[in-house]
């Protein structure tokens, strides 16, 4: 199974509980609260008028982008898939919210295969391997290093050769 946390999170006009348990509707309240805590979102839900029973507006319109993102991360944590795809999960949030989401992603990534799609270096700072794409092609692969990082175009390998010319004896020089 694969779970994806998208850049643009959609939440249904239903209760927080419904939105978080989409991938695992049989989850207990304790499991839901544990996922919310790991996603750095338990405080947000606890402050809502009816907590888990609070109905979210269409698309999560009554929540901030960071709150929607963290609810999506809680949903992914609760689903507990072995493979996780994070598609620009922190691209449009303020620095404080980004720090909270990064902590949540740290919890989410533990023990899983994670594919992170990102433009910002901070988003992938803990990655084991980085694949840099340029124009739809793989430009570099490897651990994070000055040569392998997003936003830095590598110099292309140079092909060089020298032409050998016959020397006076007819051999190659």
Protein backbone atom coordinates (compact mmCIF):
# COMPACT_ATOMS: atom_id res chain seq x y z
CA UNK A 1 0.00 0.00 0.00
CA UNK A 2 1.07 3.55 -0.75
CA UNK A 3 -0.07 6.71 1.01
CA UNK A 4 0.41 10.16 -0.49
CA UNK A 5 0.47 13.52 1.29
CA UNK A 6 -0.14 16.12 -1.39
CA UNK A 7 0.82 19.77 -1.55
CA UNK A 8 -2.84 20.71 -1.89
CA UNK A 9 -4.78 18.83 0.78
CA UNK A 10 -8.48 18.22 0.29
CA UNK A 11 -10.64 17.68 3.36
CA UNK A 12 -14.26 16.61 3.11
CA UNK A 13 -17.08 18.71 4.59
CA UNK A 14 -17.46 16.25 7.45
CA UNK A 15 -16.14 15.67 10.96
CA UNK A 16 -12.42 15.79 11.75
CA UNK A 17 -12.72 12.11 12.79
CA UNK A 18 -14.01 11.16 9.31
CA UNK A 19 -11.27 13.10 7.53
CA UNK A 20 -8.47 11.57 9.63
CA UNK A 21 -9.78 8.00 9.52
CA UNK A 22 -10.40 7.75 5.76
CA UNK A 23 -7.71 5.11 5.33
CA UNK A 24 -8.60 3.31 8.55
CA UNK A 25 -12.23 3.84 9.58
CA UNK A 26 -12.02 1.36 12.47
CA UNK A 27 -9.38 3.38 14.36
CA UNK A 28 -10.03 4.03 18.04
CA UNK A 29 -10.06 7.49 19.59
CA UNK A 30 -6.73 6.71 21.28
CA UNK A 31 -5.17 5.80 17.91
CA UNK A 32 -6.61 8.94 16.30
CA UNK A 33 -5.22 11.16 19.08
CA UNK A 34 -1.83 9.43 18.86
CA UNK A 35 -1.72 10.13 15.10
CA UNK A 36 -2.79 13.74 15.67
CA UNK A 37 -0.06 14.18 18.30
CA UNK A 38 2.61 12.70 16.02
CA UNK A 39 1.39 15.03 13.25
CA UNK A 40 1.74 18.05 15.58
CA UNK A 41 -2.00 18.66 15.24
CA UNK A 42 -3.58 17.42 18.48
CA UNK A 43 -3.61 20.94 19.93
CA UNK A 44 -5.50 22.26 16.89
CA UNK A 45 -8.17 19.57 17.09
CA UNK A 46 -8.48 19.87 20.89
CA UNK A 47 -9.18 23.61 20.46
CA UNK A 48 -12.01 23.05 17.97
CA UNK A 49 -15.54 23.49 19.38
CA UNK A 50 -16.47 19.79 19.13
CA UNK A 51 -12.97 18.32 18.91
CA UNK A 52 -13.03 15.21 16.68
CA UNK A 53 -16.73 15.76 15.97
CA UNK A 54 -16.18 19.29 14.59
CA UNK A 55 -17.36 19.51 11.00
CA UNK A 56 -14.72 20.92 8.67
CA UNK A 57 -15.78 23.28 5.89
CA UNK A 58 -15.58 22.26 2.22
CA UNK A 59 -11.93 21.52 1.43
CA UNK A 60 -10.96 22.47 4.98
CA UNK A 61 -11.78 26.12 4.29
CA UNK A 62 -12.07 26.94 7.99
CA UNK A 63 -8.50 25.73 8.68
CA UNK A 64 -5.12 27.18 7.75
CA UNK A 65 -2.96 25.51 5.10
CA UNK A 66 -0.61 24.18 7.77
CA UNK A 67 -3.50 22.76 9.80
CA UNK A 68 -4.90 21.01 6.71
CA UNK A 69 -1.43 19.65 5.92
CA UNK A 70 -0.97 18.28 9.44
CA UNK A 71 -4.41 16.64 9.37
CA UNK A 72 -3.35 14.98 6.11
CA UNK A 73 -0.16 13.77 7.79
CA UNK A 74 -2.23 12.41 10.72
CA UNK A 75 -4.39 10.58 8.16
CA UNK A 76 -1.26 9.05 6.61
CA UNK A 77 0.13 8.08 10.04
CA UNK A 78 -3.11 6.37 10.96
CA UNK A 79 -3.24 4.46 7.68
CA UNK A 80 0.28 3.18 8.42
CA UNK A 81 1.30 2.28 4.86
CA UNK A 82 4.80 0.91 4.26
CA UNK A 83 5.38 3.34 1.36
CA UNK A 84 4.80 7.08 1.62
CA UNK A 85 4.92 9.75 -1.09
CA UNK A 86 5.24 13.37 0.09
CA UNK A 87 4.47 15.75 -2.75
CA UNK A 88 5.68 19.26 -1.81
CA UNK A 89 4.23 18.76 1.67
CA UNK A 90 5.64 22.04 3.08
CA UNK A 91 5.80 24.28 0.03
CA UNK A 92 3.22 26.90 0.98
CA UNK A 93 3.42 27.36 4.74
CA UNK A 94 5.10 29.81 7.11
CA UNK A 95 8.43 28.87 8.79
CA UNK A 96 6.87 27.95 12.17
CA UNK A 97 4.29 25.70 10.52
CA UNK A 98 7.00 24.21 8.31
CA UNK A 99 9.03 23.30 11.40
CA UNK A 100 5.97 21.59 12.91
CA UNK A 101 5.26 19.73 9.68
CA UNK A 102 8.93 18.66 9.42
CA UNK A 103 8.67 17.16 12.92
CA UNK A 104 5.47 15.39 11.89
CA UNK A 105 7.13 14.08 8.72
CA UNK A 106 9.98 12.76 10.88
CA UNK A 107 7.43 10.69 12.82
CA UNK A 108 5.71 9.63 9.63
CA UNK A 109 8.90 8.50 7.86
CA UNK A 110 10.14 6.18 10.62
CA UNK A 111 10.25 2.59 9.36
CA UNK A 112 8.87 3.41 5.92
CA UNK A 113 10.07 3.88 2.39
CA UNK A 114 9.52 7.56 1.70
CA UNK A 115 9.65 9.38 -1.61
CA UNK A 116 9.82 13.15 -1.11
CA UNK A 117 9.10 15.47 -4.01
CA UNK A 118 10.51 18.88 -3.15
CA UNK A 119 12.14 22.02 -4.49
CA UNK A 120 13.53 23.24 -1.18
CA UNK A 121 16.70 21.72 0.24
CA UNK A 122 15.48 21.87 3.84
CA UNK A 123 12.63 19.54 2.95
CA UNK A 124 15.06 16.74 2.05
CA UNK A 125 17.90 17.44 4.46
CA UNK A 126 17.55 14.00 6.11
CA UNK A 127 17.22 12.01 2.88
CA UNK A 128 19.46 8.99 2.38
CA UNK A 129 19.49 9.43 -1.39
CA UNK A 130 18.63 12.40 -3.59
CA UNK A 131 17.64 12.27 -7.23
CA UNK A 132 17.92 15.62 -9.00
CA UNK A 133 15.74 16.07 -12.06
CA UNK A 134 16.40 18.67 -14.72
CA UNK A 135 14.01 19.06 -17.62
CA UNK A 136 12.39 15.70 -16.87
CA UNK A 137 15.70 13.83 -16.86
CA UNK A 138 17.78 12.51 -14.01
CA UNK A 139 20.67 14.91 -13.53
CA UNK A 140 22.26 13.45 -10.40
CA UNK A 141 21.78 10.64 -7.90
CA UNK A 142 23.47 10.13 -4.58
CA UNK A 143 23.65 11.22 -0.96
CA UNK A 144 23.37 14.92 -0.19
CA UNK A 145 26.60 16.66 -1.05
CA UNK A 146 27.68 19.90 -2.71
CA UNK A 147 27.49 18.09 -6.05
CA UNK A 148 24.09 16.50 -5.45
CA UNK A 149 21.46 18.89 -4.31
CA UNK A 150 18.42 20.62 -5.77
CA UNK A 151 18.89 24.08 -7.18
CA UNK A 152 22.51 23.51 -8.25
CA UNK A 153 23.15 22.53 -11.78
CA UNK A 154 26.04 20.18 -12.02
CA UNK A 155 28.64 20.83 -14.62
CA UNK A 156 28.28 18.22 -17.30
CA UNK A 157 31.03 15.65 -17.55
CA UNK A 158 33.54 16.72 -20.12
CA UNK A 159 34.55 14.35 -22.83
CA UNK A 160 38.13 14.76 -23.83
CA UNK A 161 40.51 12.82 -25.94
CA UNK A 162 43.71 13.39 -27.71
CA UNK A 163 44.52 12.37 -31.18
CA UNK A 164 47.64 10.40 -31.59
CA UNK A 165 49.59 11.06 -34.68
CA UNK A 166 52.11 8.73 -36.24
CA UNK A 167 55.69 9.53 -35.30
CA UNK A 168 58.59 9.44 -37.77
CA UNK A 169 58.92 5.65 -37.44
CA UNK A 170 55.29 5.06 -38.34
CA UNK A 171 54.28 4.16 -34.80
CA UNK A 172 51.82 5.95 -32.60
CA UNK A 173 53.15 8.74 -30.43
